[in-house]
Amino acid sequence: ADLSQALDQALRSLPPKTETIFRL
């Protein structure tokens, strides 16, 4: 859960397009 929360927080700090590309 901690790891998942840290990952989500790190992804939210990325620019929107970069976050989308990373998630995909």
PDB file of all heavy atoms in Angstrom:
ATOM      1  N   ALA A   1       0.837  -1.204   0.000  1.00  0.00           N
ATOM      2  CA  ALA A   1       0.000   0.000   0.000  1.00  0.00           C
ATOM      3  C   ALA A   1       0.872   1.254   0.000  1.00  0.00           C
ATOM      4  O   ALA A   1       0.592   2.216  -0.729  1.00  0.00           O
ATOM      5  CB  ALA A   1      -0.935  -0.010   1.200  1.00  0.00           C
ATOM      6  N   ASP A   2       1.934   1.246   0.807  1.00  0.00           N
ATOM      7  CA  ASP A   2       2.854   2.390   0.852  1.00  0.00           C
ATOM      8  C   ASP A   2       3.542   2.590  -0.493  1.00  0.00           C
ATOM      9  O   ASP A   2       3.673   3.719  -0.983  1.00  0.00           O
ATOM     10  CB  ASP A   2       3.908   2.203   1.944  1.00  0.00           C
ATOM     11  CG  ASP A   2       3.332   2.286   3.352  1.00  0.00           C
ATOM     12  OD1 ASP A   2       2.183   2.773   3.495  1.00  0.00           O
ATOM     13  OD2 ASP A   2       4.025   1.850   4.292  1.00  0.00           O
ATOM     14  N   LEU A   3       3.969   1.497  -1.077  1.00  0.00           N
ATOM     15  CA  LEU A   3       4.628   1.560  -2.381  1.00  0.00           C
ATOM     16  C   LEU A   3       3.670   2.070  -3.451  1.00  0.00           C
ATOM     17  O   LEU A   3       4.024   2.919  -4.268  1.00  0.00           O
ATOM     18  CB  LEU A   3       5.160   0.175  -2.757  1.00  0.00           C
ATOM     19  CG  LEU A   3       5.930   0.057  -4.062  1.00  0.00           C
ATOM     20  CD1 LEU A   3       7.182   0.922  -4.034  1.00  0.00           C
ATOM     21  CD2 LEU A   3       6.309  -1.395  -4.321  1.00  0.00           C
ATOM     22  N   SER A   4       2.447   1.589  -3.414  1.00  0.00           N
ATOM     23  CA  SER A   4       1.436   2.026  -4.375  1.00  0.00           C
ATOM     24  C   SER A   4       1.146   3.512  -4.220  1.00  0.00           C
ATOM     25  O   SER A   4       1.032   4.249  -5.206  1.00  0.00           O
ATOM     26  CB  SER A   4       0.169   1.206  -4.189  1.00  0.00           C
ATOM     27  OG  SER A   4      -0.814   1.623  -5.091  1.00  0.00           O
ATOM     28  N   GLN A   5       1.046   3.967  -2.990  1.00  0.00           N
ATOM     29  CA  GLN A   5       0.789   5.386  -2.728  1.00  0.00           C
ATOM     30  C   GLN A   5       1.961   6.240  -3.210  1.00  0.00           C
ATOM     31  O   GLN A   5       1.764   7.290  -3.827  1.00  0.00           O
ATOM     32  CB  GLN A   5       0.554   5.599  -1.229  1.00  0.00           C
ATOM     33  CG  GLN A   5       0.188   7.017  -0.865  1.00  0.00           C
ATOM     34  CD  GLN A   5      -0.055   7.161   0.631  1.00  0.00           C
ATOM     35  OE1 GLN A   5       0.284   6.283   1.420  1.00  0.00           O
ATOM     36  NE2 GLN A   5      -0.634   8.282   1.017  1.00  0.00           N
ATOM     37  N   ALA A   6       3.179   5.805  -2.972  1.00  0.00           N
ATOM     38  CA  ALA A   6       4.357   6.545  -3.421  1.00  0.00           C
ATOM     39  C   ALA A   6       4.418   6.590  -4.941  1.00  0.00           C
ATOM     40  O   ALA A   6       4.764   7.631  -5.531  1.00  0.00           O
ATOM     41  CB  ALA A   6       5.624   5.909  -2.852  1.00  0.00           C
ATOM     42  N   LEU A   7       4.069   5.486  -5.581  1.00  0.00           N
ATOM     43  CA  LEU A   7       4.062   5.446  -7.045  1.00  0.00           C
ATOM     44  C   LEU A   7       3.022   6.405  -7.604  1.00  0.00           C
ATOM     45  O   LEU A   7       3.301   7.163  -8.533  1.00  0.00           O
ATOM     46  CB  LEU A   7       3.802   4.022  -7.537  1.00  0.00           C
ATOM     47  CG  LEU A   7       3.711   3.839  -9.048  1.00  0.00           C
ATOM     48  CD1 LEU A   7       5.030   4.228  -9.715  1.00  0.00           C
ATOM     49  CD2 LEU A   7       3.336   2.420  -9.395  1.00  0.00           C
ATOM     50  N   ASP A   8       1.820   6.392  -7.044  1.00  0.00           N
ATOM     51  CA  ASP A   8       0.775   7.301  -7.506  1.00  0.00           C
ATOM     52  C   ASP A   8       1.189   8.762  -7.324  1.00  0.00           C
ATOM     53  O   ASP A   8       0.962   9.596  -8.197  1.00  0.00           O
ATOM     54  CB  ASP A   8      -0.538   7.039  -6.772  1.00  0.00           C
ATOM     55  CG  ASP A   8      -1.251   5.797  -7.263  1.00  0.00           C
ATOM     56  OD1 ASP A   8      -0.966   5.367  -8.401  1.00  0.00           O
ATOM     57  OD2 ASP A   8      -2.086   5.266  -6.513  1.00  0.00           O
ATOM     58  N   GLN A   9       1.800   9.058  -6.198  1.00  0.00           N
ATOM     59  CA  GLN A   9       2.248  10.433  -5.933  1.00  0.00           C
ATOM     60  C   GLN A   9       3.322  10.844  -6.941  1.00  0.00           C
ATOM     61  O   GLN A   9       3.291  11.948  -7.481  1.00  0.00           O
ATOM     62  CB  GLN A   9       2.786  10.549  -4.508  1.00  0.00           C
ATOM     63  CG  GLN A   9       3.191  11.943  -4.118  1.00  0.00           C
ATOM     64  CD  GLN A   9       3.688  11.998  -2.684  1.00  0.00           C
ATOM     65  OE1 GLN A   9       3.818  10.979  -2.016  1.00  0.00           O
ATOM     66  NE2 GLN A   9       3.966  13.196  -2.207  1.00  0.00           N
ATOM     67  N   ALA A  10       4.249   9.947  -7.220  1.00  0.00           N
ATOM     68  CA  ALA A  10       5.307  10.254  -8.187  1.00  0.00           C
ATOM     69  C   ALA A  10       4.724  10.445  -9.582  1.00  0.00           C
ATOM     70  O   ALA A  10       5.139  11.343 -10.322  1.00  0.00           O
ATOM     71  CB  ALA A  10       6.350   9.142  -8.197  1.00  0.00           C
ATOM     72  N   LEU A  11       3.754   9.624  -9.947  1.00  0.00           N
ATOM     73  CA  LEU A  11       3.128   9.756 -11.268  1.00  0.00           C
ATOM     74  C   LEU A  11       2.354  11.061 -11.389  1.00  0.00           C
ATOM     75  O   LEU A  11       2.364  11.696 -12.445  1.00  0.00           O
ATOM     76  CB  LEU A  11       2.206   8.566 -11.551  1.00  0.00           C
ATOM     77  CG  LEU A  11       2.899   7.245 -11.840  1.00  0.00           C
ATOM     78  CD1 LEU A  11       1.881   6.133 -12.002  1.00  0.00           C
ATOM     79  CD2 LEU A  11       3.766   7.350 -13.072  1.00  0.00           C
ATOM     80  N   ARG A  12       1.691  11.466 -10.322  1.00  0.00           N
ATOM     81  CA  ARG A  12       0.942  12.730 -10.363  1.00  0.00           C
ATOM     82  C   ARG A  12       1.864  13.933 -10.509  1.00  0.00           C
ATOM     83  O   ARG A  12       1.440  14.984 -10.985  1.00  0.00           O
ATOM     84  CB  ARG A  12       0.074  12.872  -9.124  1.00  0.00           C
ATOM     85  CG  ARG A  12      -1.177  12.020  -9.155  1.00  0.00           C
ATOM     86  CD  ARG A  12      -2.152  12.421  -8.047  1.00  0.00           C
ATOM     87  NE  ARG A  12      -1.576  12.326  -6.717  1.00  0.00           N
ATOM     88  CZ  ARG A  12      -1.599  11.247  -5.958  1.00  0.00           C
ATOM     89  NH1 ARG A  12      -2.192  10.157  -6.376  1.00  0.00           N
ATOM     90  NH2 ARG A  12      -1.047  11.250  -4.760  1.00  0.00           N
ATOM     91  N   SER A  13       3.119  13.779 -10.124  1.00  0.00           N
ATOM     92  CA  SER A  13       4.058  14.902 -10.233  1.00  0.00           C
ATOM     93  C   SER A  13       4.596  15.069 -11.662  1.00  0.00           C
ATOM     94  O   SER A  13       5.209  16.078 -11.974  1.00  0.00           O
ATOM     95  CB  SER A  13       5.225  14.716  -9.259  1.00  0.00           C
ATOM     96  OG  SER A  13       6.052  13.657  -9.684  1.00  0.00           O
ATOM     97  N   LEU A  14       4.344  14.081 -12.511  1.00  0.00           N
ATOM     98  CA  LEU A  14       4.793  14.156 -13.908  1.00  0.00           C
ATOM     99  C   LEU A  14       3.855  15.039 -14.723  1.00  0.00           C
ATOM    100  O   LEU A  14       2.689  15.199 -14.375  1.00  0.00           O
ATOM    101  CB  LEU A  14       4.813  12.757 -14.529  1.00  0.00           C
ATOM    102  CG  LEU A  14       5.803  11.749 -13.969  1.00  0.00           C
ATOM    103  CD1 LEU A  14       5.542  10.376 -14.573  1.00  0.00           C
ATOM    104  CD2 LEU A  14       7.223  12.188 -14.251  1.00  0.00           C
ATOM    105  N   PRO A  15       4.361  15.592 -15.824  1.00  0.00           N
ATOM    106  CA  PRO A  15       3.458  16.304 -16.742  1.00  0.00           C
ATOM    107  C   PRO A  15       2.383  15.327 -17.243  1.00  0.00           C
ATOM    108  O   PRO A  15       2.634  14.121 -17.358  1.00  0.00           O
ATOM    109  CB  PRO A  15       4.374  16.736 -17.896  1.00  0.00           C
ATOM    110  CG  PRO A  15       5.747  16.715 -17.316  1.00  0.00           C
ATOM    111  CD  PRO A  15       5.746  15.657 -16.255  1.00  0.00           C
ATOM    112  N   PRO A  16       1.184  15.821 -17.554  1.00  0.00           N
ATOM    113  CA  PRO A  16       0.062  14.933 -17.911  1.00  0.00           C
ATOM    114  C   PRO A  16       0.361  13.952 -19.037  1.00  0.00           C
ATOM    115  O   PRO A  16       0.033  12.768 -18.936  1.00  0.00           O
ATOM    116  CB  PRO A  16      -1.049  15.909 -18.312  1.00  0.00           C
ATOM    117  CG  PRO A  16      -0.711  17.182 -17.612  1.00  0.00           C
ATOM    118  CD  PRO A  16       0.776  17.223 -17.518  1.00  0.00           C
ATOM    119  N   LYS A  17       0.983  14.408 -20.111  1.00  0.00           N
ATOM    120  CA  LYS A  17       1.262  13.502 -21.229  1.00  0.00           C
ATOM    121  C   LYS A  17       2.285  12.442 -20.829  1.00  0.00           C
ATOM    122  O   LYS A  17       2.167  11.279 -21.200  1.00  0.00           O
ATOM    123  CB  LYS A  17       1.748  14.274 -22.453  1.00  0.00           C
ATOM    124  CG  LYS A  17       0.653  15.019 -23.157  1.00  0.00           C
ATOM    125  CD  LYS A  17       1.145  15.658 -24.424  1.00  0.00           C
ATOM    126  CE  LYS A  17       0.016  16.379 -25.133  1.00  0.00           C
ATOM    127  NZ  LYS A  17       0.446  16.999 -26.373  1.00  0.00           N
ATOM    128  N   THR A  18       3.280  12.833 -20.079  1.00  0.00           N
ATOM    129  CA  THR A  18       4.299  11.889 -19.623  1.00  0.00           C
ATOM    130  C   THR A  18       3.676  10.844 -18.705  1.00  0.00           C
ATOM    131  O   THR A  18       3.985   9.653 -18.803  1.00  0.00           O
ATOM    132  CB  THR A  18       5.436  12.631 -18.896  1.00  0.00           C
ATOM    133  OG1 THR A  18       5.940  13.651 -19.747  1.00  0.00           O
ATOM    134  CG2 THR A  18       6.540  11.685 -18.492  1.00  0.00           C
ATOM    135  N   GLU A  19       2.791  11.283 -17.826  1.00  0.00           N
ATOM    136  CA  GLU A  19       2.106  10.349 -16.927  1.00  0.00           C
ATOM    137  C   GLU A  19       1.284   9.344 -17.727  1.00  0.00           C
ATOM    138  O   GLU A  19       1.320   8.140 -17.461  1.00  0.00           O
ATOM    139  CB  GLU A  19       1.193  11.107 -15.965  1.00  0.00           C
ATOM    140  CG  GLU A  19       0.409  10.193 -15.050  1.00  0.00           C
ATOM    141  CD  GLU A  19      -0.570  10.941 -14.163  1.00  0.00           C
ATOM    142  OE1 GLU A  19      -0.603  12.177 -14.183  1.00  0.00           O
ATOM    143  OE2 GLU A  19      -1.315  10.248 -13.449  1.00  0.00           O
ATOM    144  N   THR A  20       0.557   9.833 -18.723  1.00  0.00           N
ATOM    145  CA  THR A  20      -0.261   8.948 -19.557  1.00  0.00           C
ATOM    146  C   THR A  20       0.609   7.934 -20.280  1.00  0.00           C
ATOM    147  O   THR A  20       0.303   6.736 -20.298  1.00  0.00           O
ATOM    148  CB  THR A  20      -1.073   9.775 -20.579  1.00  0.00           C
ATOM    149  OG1 THR A  20      -1.906  10.689 -19.869  1.00  0.00           O
ATOM    150  CG2 THR A  20      -1.922   8.871 -21.451  1.00  0.00           C
ATOM    151  N   ILE A  21       1.692   8.389 -20.856  1.00  0.00           N
ATOM    152  CA  ILE A  21       2.603   7.492 -21.577  1.00  0.00           C
ATOM    153  C   ILE A  21       3.188   6.454 -20.625  1.00  0.00           C
ATOM    154  O   ILE A  21       3.259   5.268 -20.944  1.00  0.00           O
ATOM    155  CB  ILE A  21       3.715   8.291 -22.277  1.00  0.00           C
ATOM    156  CG1 ILE A  21       3.115   9.085 -23.439  1.00  0.00           C
ATOM    157  CG2 ILE A  21       4.829   7.381 -22.769  1.00  0.00           C
ATOM    158  CD1 ILE A  21       4.052  10.100 -24.043  1.00  0.00           C
ATOM    159  N   PHE A  22       3.600   6.880 -19.443  1.00  0.00           N
ATOM    160  CA  PHE A  22       4.168   5.952 -18.468  1.00  0.00           C
ATOM    161  C   PHE A  22       3.140   4.893 -18.072  1.00  0.00           C
ATOM    162  O   PHE A  22       3.439   3.696 -18.047  1.00  0.00           O
ATOM    163  CB  PHE A  22       4.655   6.696 -17.229  1.00  0.00           C
ATOM    164  CG  PHE A  22       5.312   5.790 -16.223  1.00  0.00           C
ATOM    165  CD1 PHE A  22       6.647   5.476 -16.342  1.00  0.00           C
ATOM    166  CD2 PHE A  22       4.582   5.243 -15.182  1.00  0.00           C
ATOM    167  CE1 PHE A  22       7.257   4.632 -15.422  1.00  0.00           C
ATOM    168  CE2 PHE A  22       5.175   4.399 -14.266  1.00  0.00           C
ATOM    169  CZ  PHE A  22       6.514   4.094 -14.385  1.00  0.00           C
ATOM    170  N   ARG A  23       1.931   5.332 -17.753  1.00  0.00           N
ATOM    171  CA  ARG A  23       0.895   4.385 -17.342  1.00  0.00           C
ATOM    172  C   ARG A  23       0.579   3.377 -18.457  1.00  0.00           C
ATOM    173  O   ARG A  23       0.425   2.186 -18.201  1.00  0.00           O
ATOM    174  CB  ARG A  23      -0.369   5.122 -16.929  1.00  0.00           C
ATOM    175  CG  ARG A  23      -0.261   5.807 -15.590  1.00  0.00           C
ATOM    176  CD  ARG A  23      -1.579   6.456 -15.178  1.00  0.00           C
ATOM    177  NE  ARG A  23      -1.456   7.236 -13.975  1.00  0.00           N
ATOM    178  CZ  ARG A  23      -1.514   6.727 -12.740  1.00  0.00           C
ATOM    179  NH1 ARG A  23      -1.676   5.446 -12.575  1.00  0.00           N
ATOM    180  NH2 ARG A  23      -1.388   7.514 -11.691  1.00  0.00           N
ATOM    181  N   LEU A  24       0.491   3.865 -19.685  1.00  0.00           N
ATOM    182  CA  LEU A  24       0.202   2.960 -20.802  1.00  0.00           C
ATOM    183  C   LEU A  24       1.333   1.965 -21.025  1.00  0.00           C
ATOM    184  O   LEU A  24       1.096   0.792 -21.299  1.00  0.00           O
ATOM    185  CB  LEU A  24      -0.057   3.761 -22.082  1.00  0.00           C
ATOM    186  CG  LEU A  24      -1.361   4.548 -22.128  1.00  0.00           C
ATOM    187  CD1 LEU A  24      -1.403   5.416 -23.379  1.00  0.00           C
ATOM    188  CD2 LEU A  24      -2.555   3.620 -22.080  1.00  0.00           C
TER     189      LEU A  24
END
